[in-house]
Amino acid sequence: MSFIYKVFKVSFFIFLDISGILLGIFLIVLGLAMLLDWQLAKEGLGWLILVIGIGAFLLHLGHYFDLKYMRWLFGSKYFIEK
């Protein structure tokens, strides 16, 4: 692989993980805001967004820091490789 391709690939996955972590945090806060009745939407939607946010946060955090639960969930060669 060329040097430019390697730099692009690594920077893309770092950007993907950081944006996924931030998306997870945003969805967690949005879900909590809905559950605390801040008049954003119904309660059921708040629970759904909260769960999706926690899932996105944990998935991207696990990939970025190469945590063990990612290998436990998806195997040693899971679908997203750096």
PDB file of N, CA and C in Angstrom:
ATOM      1  N   MET A   1       0.835  -1.189   0.000  1.00  0.00           N
ATOM      2  CA  MET A   1       0.000   0.000   0.000  1.00  0.00           C
ATOM      3  C   MET A   1       0.875   1.246   0.000  1.00  0.00           C
ATOM      4  N   SER A   2       0.411   2.240  -0.662  1.00  0.00           N
ATOM      5  CA  SER A   2       1.170   3.480  -0.697  1.00  0.00           C
ATOM      6  C   SER A   2       1.011   4.228   0.627  1.00  0.00           C
ATOM      7  N   PHE A   3       1.937   5.127   0.857  1.00  0.00           N
ATOM      8  CA  PHE A   3       1.947   5.911   2.091  1.00  0.00           C
ATOM      9  C   PHE A   3       0.696   6.781   2.202  1.00  0.00           C
ATOM     10  N   ILE A   4       0.282   7.387   1.100  1.00  0.00           N
ATOM     11  CA  ILE A   4      -0.892   8.266   1.114  1.00  0.00           C
ATOM     12  C   ILE A   4      -2.148   7.465   1.466  1.00  0.00           C
ATOM     13  N   TYR A   5      -2.259   6.260   0.925  1.00  0.00           N
ATOM     14  CA  TYR A   5      -3.413   5.411   1.226  1.00  0.00           C
ATOM     15  C   TYR A   5      -3.445   5.038   2.702  1.00  0.00           C
ATOM     16  N   LYS A   6      -2.294   4.687   3.264  1.00  0.00           N
ATOM     17  CA  LYS A   6      -2.232   4.324   4.681  1.00  0.00           C
ATOM     18  C   LYS A   6      -2.624   5.495   5.568  1.00  0.00           C
ATOM     19  N   VAL A   7      -2.126   6.685   5.249  1.00  0.00           N
ATOM     20  CA  VAL A   7      -2.463   7.874   6.040  1.00  0.00           C
ATOM     21  C   VAL A   7      -3.961   8.153   5.943  1.00  0.00           C
ATOM     22  N   PHE A   8      -4.524   8.062   4.741  1.00  0.00           N
ATOM     23  CA  PHE A   8      -5.957   8.287   4.559  1.00  0.00           C
ATOM     24  C   PHE A   8      -6.773   7.266   5.332  1.00  0.00           C
ATOM     25  N   LYS A   9      -6.375   5.997   5.257  1.00  0.00           N
ATOM     26  CA  LYS A   9      -7.116   4.930   5.917  1.00  0.00           C
ATOM     27  C   LYS A   9      -7.112   5.111   7.429  1.00  0.00           C
ATOM     28  N   VAL A  10      -5.956   5.387   8.009  1.00  0.00           N
ATOM     29  CA  VAL A  10      -5.864   5.572   9.459  1.00  0.00           C
ATOM     30  C   VAL A  10      -6.638   6.809   9.896  1.00  0.00           C
ATOM     31  N   SER A  11      -6.475   7.916   9.173  1.00  0.00           N
ATOM     32  CA  SER A  11      -7.182   9.142   9.562  1.00  0.00           C
ATOM     33  C   SER A  11      -8.691   8.980   9.405  1.00  0.00           C
ATOM     34  N   PHE A  12      -9.132   8.228   8.397  1.00  0.00           N
ATOM     35  CA  PHE A  12     -10.561   7.988   8.215  1.00  0.00           C
ATOM     36  C   PHE A  12     -11.137   7.224   9.399  1.00  0.00           C
ATOM     37  N   PHE A  13     -10.463   6.153   9.829  1.00  0.00           N
ATOM     38  CA  PHE A  13     -10.983   5.366  10.942  1.00  0.00           C
ATOM     39  C   PHE A  13     -10.934   6.140  12.254  1.00  0.00           C
ATOM     40  N   ILE A  14      -9.916   6.972  12.444  1.00  0.00           N
ATOM     41  CA  ILE A  14      -9.870   7.810  13.647  1.00  0.00           C
ATOM     42  C   ILE A  14     -11.032   8.797  13.625  1.00  0.00           C
ATOM     43  N   PHE A  15     -11.264   9.454  12.486  1.00  0.00           N
ATOM     44  CA  PHE A  15     -12.389  10.378  12.356  1.00  0.00           C
ATOM     45  C   PHE A  15     -13.712   9.655  12.574  1.00  0.00           C
ATOM     46  N   LEU A  16     -13.848   8.460  12.010  1.00  0.00           N
ATOM     47  CA  LEU A  16     -15.077   7.690  12.157  1.00  0.00           C
ATOM     48  C   LEU A  16     -15.337   7.357  13.619  1.00  0.00           C
ATOM     49  N   ASP A  17     -14.317   6.928  14.340  1.00  0.00           N
ATOM     50  CA  ASP A  17     -14.495   6.576  15.744  1.00  0.00           C
ATOM     51  C   ASP A  17     -14.814   7.794  16.600  1.00  0.00           C
ATOM     52  N   ILE A  18     -14.100   8.885  16.390  1.00  0.00           N
ATOM     53  CA  ILE A  18     -14.346  10.083  17.194  1.00  0.00           C
ATOM     54  C   ILE A  18     -15.740  10.641  16.908  1.00  0.00           C
ATOM     55  N   SER A  19     -16.147  10.672  15.644  1.00  0.00           N
ATOM     56  CA  SER A  19     -17.492  11.171  15.333  1.00  0.00           C
ATOM     57  C   SER A  19     -18.561  10.226  15.875  1.00  0.00           C
ATOM     58  N   GLY A  20     -18.286   8.932  15.874  1.00  0.00           N
ATOM     59  CA  GLY A  20     -19.235   7.976  16.450  1.00  0.00           C
ATOM     60  C   GLY A  20     -19.368   8.133  17.951  1.00  0.00           C
ATOM     61  N   ILE A  21     -18.247   8.382  18.632  1.00  0.00           N
ATOM     62  CA  ILE A  21     -18.284   8.625  20.074  1.00  0.00           C
ATOM     63  C   ILE A  21     -19.097   9.882  20.366  1.00  0.00           C
ATOM     64  N   LEU A  22     -18.857  10.942  19.598  1.00  0.00           N
ATOM     65  CA  LEU A  22     -19.609  12.186  19.803  1.00  0.00           C
ATOM     66  C   LEU A  22     -21.092  12.003  19.471  1.00  0.00           C
ATOM     67  N   LEU A  23     -21.397  11.218  18.439  1.00  0.00           N
ATOM     68  CA  LEU A  23     -22.792  10.920  18.118  1.00  0.00           C
ATOM     69  C   LEU A  23     -23.457  10.178  19.269  1.00  0.00           C
ATOM     70  N   GLY A  24     -22.743   9.221  19.836  1.00  0.00           N
ATOM     71  CA  GLY A  24     -23.284   8.485  20.980  1.00  0.00           C
ATOM     72  C   GLY A  24     -23.571   9.401  22.157  1.00  0.00           C
ATOM     73  N   ILE A  25     -22.650  10.308  22.460  1.00  0.00           N
ATOM     74  CA  ILE A  25     -22.860  11.255  23.558  1.00  0.00           C
ATOM     75  C   ILE A  25     -24.066  12.144  23.264  1.00  0.00           C
ATOM     76  N   PHE A  26     -24.177  12.632  22.025  1.00  0.00           N
ATOM     77  CA  PHE A  26     -25.311  13.477  21.643  1.00  0.00           C
ATOM     78  C   PHE A  26     -26.630  12.731  21.804  1.00  0.00           C
ATOM     79  N   LEU A  27     -26.678  11.491  21.344  1.00  0.00           N
ATOM     80  CA  LEU A  27     -27.919  10.726  21.440  1.00  0.00           C
ATOM     81  C   LEU A  27     -28.265  10.387  22.884  1.00  0.00           C
ATOM     82  N   ILE A  28     -27.246  10.129  23.717  1.00  0.00           N
ATOM     83  CA  ILE A  28     -27.498   9.880  25.136  1.00  0.00           C
ATOM     84  C   ILE A  28     -28.122  11.114  25.780  1.00  0.00           C
ATOM     85  N   VAL A  29     -27.538  12.281  25.525  1.00  0.00           N
ATOM     86  CA  VAL A  29     -28.070  13.523  26.098  1.00  0.00           C
ATOM     87  C   VAL A  29     -29.473  13.804  25.561  1.00  0.00           C
ATOM     88  N   LEU A  30     -29.686  13.591  24.268  1.00  0.00           N
ATOM     89  CA  LEU A  30     -31.009  13.810  23.681  1.00  0.00           C
ATOM     90  C   LEU A  30     -32.038  12.854  24.275  1.00  0.00           C
ATOM     91  N   GLY A  31     -31.654  11.593  24.438  1.00  0.00           N
ATOM     92  CA  GLY A  31     -32.565  10.620  25.045  1.00  0.00           C
ATOM     93  C   GLY A  31     -32.903  10.973  26.483  1.00  0.00           C
ATOM     94  N   LEU A  32     -31.900  11.402  27.251  1.00  0.00           N
ATOM     95  CA  LEU A  32     -32.159  11.818  28.630  1.00  0.00           C
ATOM     96  C   LEU A  32     -33.052  13.053  28.676  1.00  0.00           C
ATOM     97  N   ALA A  33     -32.836  13.983  27.751  1.00  0.00           N
ATOM     98  CA  ALA A  33     -33.672  15.185  27.704  1.00  0.00           C
ATOM     99  C   ALA A  33     -35.123  14.812  27.438  1.00  0.00           C
ATOM    100  N   MET A  34     -35.343  13.853  26.560  1.00  0.00           N
ATOM    101  CA  MET A  34     -36.710  13.424  26.270  1.00  0.00           C
ATOM    102  C   MET A  34     -37.325  12.703  27.462  1.00  0.00           C
ATOM    103  N   LEU A  35     -36.514  11.877  28.141  1.00  0.00           N
ATOM    104  CA  LEU A  35     -37.037  11.148  29.295  1.00  0.00           C
ATOM    105  C   LEU A  35     -37.335  12.071  30.466  1.00  0.00           C
ATOM    106  N   LEU A  36     -36.589  13.158  30.588  1.00  0.00           N
ATOM    107  CA  LEU A  36     -36.814  14.114  31.677  1.00  0.00           C
ATOM    108  C   LEU A  36     -37.903  15.122  31.324  1.00  0.00           C
ATOM    109  N   ASP A  37     -38.638  14.838  30.251  1.00  0.00           N
ATOM    110  CA  ASP A  37     -39.802  15.624  29.839  1.00  0.00           C
ATOM    111  C   ASP A  37     -39.452  17.072  29.524  1.00  0.00           C
ATOM    112  N   TRP A  38     -38.454  17.238  28.697  1.00  0.00           N
ATOM    113  CA  TRP A  38     -38.096  18.574  28.241  1.00  0.00           C
ATOM    114  C   TRP A  38     -38.855  18.930  26.973  1.00  0.00           C
ATOM    115  N   GLN A  39     -40.019  18.292  26.776  1.00  0.00           N
ATOM    116  CA  GLN A  39     -40.959  18.588  25.694  1.00  0.00           C
ATOM    117  C   GLN A  39     -40.351  18.428  24.297  1.00  0.00           C
ATOM    118  N   LEU A  40     -39.472  17.452  24.127  1.00  0.00           N
ATOM    119  CA  LEU A  40     -38.888  17.221  22.809  1.00  0.00           C
ATOM    120  C   LEU A  40     -39.663  16.163  22.024  1.00  0.00           C
ATOM    121  N   ALA A  41     -40.155  15.153  22.713  1.00  0.00           N
ATOM    122  CA  ALA A  41     -40.932  14.106  22.041  1.00  0.00           C
ATOM    123  C   ALA A  41     -41.535  13.192  23.104  1.00  0.00           C
ATOM    124  N   LYS A  42     -42.165  12.140  22.665  1.00  0.00           N
ATOM    125  CA  LYS A  42     -42.784  11.189  23.584  1.00  0.00           C
ATOM    126  C   LYS A  42     -41.723  10.384  24.323  1.00  0.00           C
ATOM    127  N   GLU A  43     -42.136   9.750  25.436  1.00  0.00           N
ATOM    128  CA  GLU A  43     -41.204   9.012  26.283  1.00  0.00           C
ATOM    129  C   GLU A  43     -40.614   7.792  25.579  1.00  0.00           C
ATOM    130  N   GLY A  44     -41.399   7.084  24.787  1.00  0.00           N
ATOM    131  CA  GLY A  44     -40.903   5.896  24.099  1.00  0.00           C
ATOM    132  C   GLY A  44     -39.761   6.213  23.149  1.00  0.00           C
ATOM    133  N   LEU A  45     -39.864   7.331  22.463  1.00  0.00           N
ATOM    134  CA  LEU A  45     -38.798   7.750  21.560  1.00  0.00           C
ATOM    135  C   LEU A  45     -37.534   8.097  22.342  1.00  0.00           C
ATOM    136  N   GLY A  46     -37.707   8.660  23.526  1.00  0.00           N
ATOM    137  CA  GLY A  46     -36.559   8.978  24.375  1.00  0.00           C
ATOM    138  C   GLY A  46     -35.779   7.734  24.762  1.00  0.00           C
ATOM    139  N   TRP A  47     -36.494   6.663  25.146  1.00  0.00           N
ATOM    140  CA  TRP A  47     -35.815   5.407  25.485  1.00  0.00           C
ATOM    141  C   TRP A  47     -35.080   4.837  24.279  1.00  0.00           C
ATOM    142  N   LEU A  48     -35.706   4.885  23.119  1.00  0.00           N
ATOM    143  CA  LEU A  48     -35.077   4.361  21.908  1.00  0.00           C
ATOM    144  C   LEU A  48     -33.803   5.130  21.570  1.00  0.00           C
ATOM    145  N   ILE A  49     -33.874   6.445  21.611  1.00  0.00           N
ATOM    146  CA  ILE A  49     -32.696   7.258  21.298  1.00  0.00           C
ATOM    147  C   ILE A  49     -31.606   7.061  22.340  1.00  0.00           C
ATOM    148  N   LEU A  50     -31.988   6.921  23.607  1.00  0.00           N
ATOM    149  CA  LEU A  50     -31.007   6.675  24.658  1.00  0.00           C
ATOM    150  C   LEU A  50     -30.273   5.354  24.425  1.00  0.00           C
ATOM    151  N   VAL A  51     -30.991   4.303  24.090  1.00  0.00           N
ATOM    152  CA  VAL A  51     -30.371   2.994  23.844  1.00  0.00           C
ATOM    153  C   VAL A  51     -29.472   3.042  22.608  1.00  0.00           C
ATOM    154  N   ILE A  52     -29.928   3.677  21.538  1.00  0.00           N
ATOM    155  CA  ILE A  52     -29.105   3.804  20.331  1.00  0.00           C
ATOM    156  C   ILE A  52     -27.843   4.612  20.627  1.00  0.00           C
ATOM    157  N   GLY A  53     -27.979   5.663  21.412  1.00  0.00           N
ATOM    158  CA  GLY A  53     -26.826   6.486  21.774  1.00  0.00           C
ATOM    159  C   GLY A  53     -25.804   5.721  22.588  1.00  0.00           C
ATOM    160  N   ILE A  54     -26.260   4.953  23.567  1.00  0.00           N
ATOM    161  CA  ILE A  54     -25.340   4.147  24.375  1.00  0.00           C
ATOM    162  C   ILE A  54     -24.651   3.114  23.497  1.00  0.00           C
ATOM    163  N   GLY A  55     -25.419   2.486  22.591  1.00  0.00           N
ATOM    164  CA  GLY A  55     -24.828   1.502  21.686  1.00  0.00           C
ATOM    165  C   GLY A  55     -23.779   2.107  20.772  1.00  0.00           C
ATOM    166  N   ALA A  56     -24.073   3.262  20.188  1.00  0.00           N
ATOM    167  CA  ALA A  56     -23.107   3.930  19.302  1.00  0.00           C
ATOM    168  C   ALA A  56     -21.858   4.337  20.065  1.00  0.00           C
ATOM    169  N   PHE A  57     -22.055   4.867  21.266  1.00  0.00           N
ATOM    170  CA  PHE A  57     -20.922   5.288  22.085  1.00  0.00           C
ATOM    171  C   PHE A  57     -20.022   4.100  22.412  1.00  0.00           C
ATOM    172  N   LEU A  58     -20.604   3.000  22.880  1.00  0.00           N
ATOM    173  CA  LEU A  58     -19.805   1.836  23.267  1.00  0.00           C
ATOM    174  C   LEU A  58     -19.138   1.175  22.065  1.00  0.00           C
ATOM    175  N   LEU A  59     -19.833   1.115  20.933  1.00  0.00           N
ATOM    176  CA  LEU A  59     -19.256   0.506  19.737  1.00  0.00           C
ATOM    177  C   LEU A  59     -18.026   1.272  19.262  1.00  0.00           C
ATOM    178  N   HIS A  60     -18.139   2.580  19.147  1.00  0.00           N
ATOM    179  CA  HIS A  60     -17.021   3.375  18.649  1.00  0.00           C
ATOM    180  C   HIS A  60     -15.916   3.521  19.687  1.00  0.00           C
ATOM    181  N   LEU A  61     -16.275   3.597  20.950  1.00  0.00           N
ATOM    182  CA  LEU A  61     -15.264   3.649  22.002  1.00  0.00           C
ATOM    183  C   LEU A  61     -14.468   2.348  22.033  1.00  0.00           C
ATOM    184  N   GLY A  62     -15.174   1.230  21.911  1.00  0.00           N
ATOM    185  CA  GLY A  62     -14.509  -0.072  21.897  1.00  0.00           C
ATOM    186  C   GLY A  62     -13.581  -0.239  20.714  1.00  0.00           C
ATOM    187  N   HIS A  63     -13.972   0.276  19.553  1.00  0.00           N
ATOM    188  CA  HIS A  63     -13.111   0.177  18.382  1.00  0.00           C
ATOM    189  C   HIS A  63     -11.912   1.099  18.503  1.00  0.00           C
ATOM    190  N   TYR A  64     -12.139   2.334  18.962  1.00  0.00           N
ATOM    191  CA  TYR A  64     -11.052   3.319  19.040  1.00  0.00           C
ATOM    192  C   TYR A  64      -9.967   2.878  20.020  1.00  0.00           C
ATOM    193  N   PHE A  65     -10.368   2.360  21.177  1.00  0.00           N
ATOM    194  CA  PHE A  65      -9.401   1.949  22.190  1.00  0.00           C
ATOM    195  C   PHE A  65      -9.104   0.454  22.145  1.00  0.00           C
ATOM    196  N   ASP A  66      -9.635  -0.259  21.155  1.00  0.00           N
ATOM    197  CA  ASP A  66      -9.414  -1.695  20.962  1.00  0.00           C
ATOM    198  C   ASP A  66      -9.711  -2.472  22.249  1.00  0.00           C
ATOM    199  N   LEU A  67     -10.907  -2.288  22.771  1.00  0.00           N
ATOM    200  CA  LEU A  67     -11.302  -2.919  24.024  1.00  0.00           C
ATOM    201  C   LEU A  67     -11.681  -4.378  23.806  1.00  0.00           C
ATOM    202  N   LYS A  68     -11.541  -5.184  24.868  1.00  0.00           N
ATOM    203  CA  LYS A  68     -11.736  -6.625  24.763  1.00  0.00           C
ATOM    204  C   LYS A  68     -13.157  -7.019  24.394  1.00  0.00           C
ATOM    205  N   TYR A  69     -14.157  -6.243  24.821  1.00  0.00           N
ATOM    206  CA  TYR A  69     -15.530  -6.652  24.526  1.00  0.00           C
ATOM    207  C   TYR A  69     -15.838  -6.613  23.036  1.00  0.00           C
ATOM    208  N   MET A  70     -15.082  -5.846  22.256  1.00  0.00           N
ATOM    209  CA  MET A  70     -15.289  -5.850  20.806  1.00  0.00           C
ATOM    210  C   MET A  70     -14.881  -7.198  20.212  1.00  0.00           C
ATOM    211  N   ARG A  71     -13.757  -7.742  20.677  1.00  0.00           N
ATOM    212  CA  ARG A  71     -13.331  -9.063  20.194  1.00  0.00           C
ATOM    213  C   ARG A  71     -14.273 -10.150  20.705  1.00  0.00           C
ATOM    214  N   TRP A  72     -14.826  -9.968  21.907  1.00  0.00           N
ATOM    215  CA  TRP A  72     -15.763 -10.936  22.452  1.00  0.00           C
ATOM    216  C   TRP A  72     -17.068 -10.926  21.653  1.00  0.00           C
ATOM    217  N   LEU A  73     -17.530  -9.735  21.275  1.00  0.00           N
ATOM    218  CA  LEU A  73     -18.781  -9.631  20.524  1.00  0.00           C
ATOM    219  C   LEU A  73     -18.632 -10.057  19.068  1.00  0.00           C
ATOM    220  N   PHE A  74     -17.544  -9.637  18.416  1.00  0.00           N
ATOM    221  CA  PHE A  74     -17.423  -9.801  16.967  1.00  0.00           C
ATOM    222  C   PHE A  74     -16.313 -10.757  16.538  1.00  0.00           C
ATOM    223  N   GLY A  75     -15.575 -11.334  17.466  1.00  0.00           N
ATOM    224  CA  GLY A  75     -14.477 -12.223  17.120  1.00  0.00           C
ATOM    225  C   GLY A  75     -13.174 -11.460  16.952  1.00  0.00           C
ATOM    226  N   SER A  76     -12.093 -12.189  16.767  1.00  0.00           N
ATOM    227  CA  SER A  76     -10.777 -11.546  16.703  1.00  0.00           C
ATOM    228  C   SER A  76     -10.594 -10.723  15.431  1.00  0.00           C
ATOM    229  N   LYS A  77     -11.257 -11.086  14.351  1.00  0.00           N
ATOM    230  CA  LYS A  77     -11.169 -10.324  13.095  1.00  0.00           C
ATOM    231  C   LYS A  77     -12.538  -9.716  12.810  1.00  0.00           C
ATOM    232  N   TYR A  78     -12.966  -8.767  13.661  1.00  0.00           N
ATOM    233  CA  TYR A  78     -14.311  -8.230  13.493  1.00  0.00           C
ATOM    234  C   TYR A  78     -14.383  -7.288  12.300  1.00  0.00           C
ATOM    235  N   PHE A  79     -15.585  -6.851  11.971  1.00  0.00           N
ATOM    236  CA  PHE A  79     -15.892  -6.249  10.674  1.00  0.00           C
ATOM    237  C   PHE A  79     -15.204  -4.930  10.399  1.00  0.00           C
ATOM    238  N   ILE A  80     -14.756  -4.197  11.399  1.00  0.00           N
ATOM    239  CA  ILE A  80     -14.084  -2.922  11.164  1.00  0.00           C
ATOM    240  C   ILE A  80     -12.642  -3.064  11.616  1.00  0.00           C
ATOM    241  N   GLU A  81     -11.712  -2.978  10.699  1.00  0.00           N
ATOM    242  CA  GLU A  81     -10.298  -3.089  11.037  1.00  0.00           C
ATOM    243  C   GLU A  81      -9.598  -1.782  10.752  1.00  0.00           C
ATOM    244  N   LYS A  82      -8.622  -1.466  11.587  1.00  0.00           N
ATOM    245  CA  LYS A  82      -7.848  -0.238  11.385  1.00  0.00           C
ATOM    246  C   LYS A  82      -6.817  -0.450  10.304  1.00  0.00           C
TER     247      LYS A  82
END
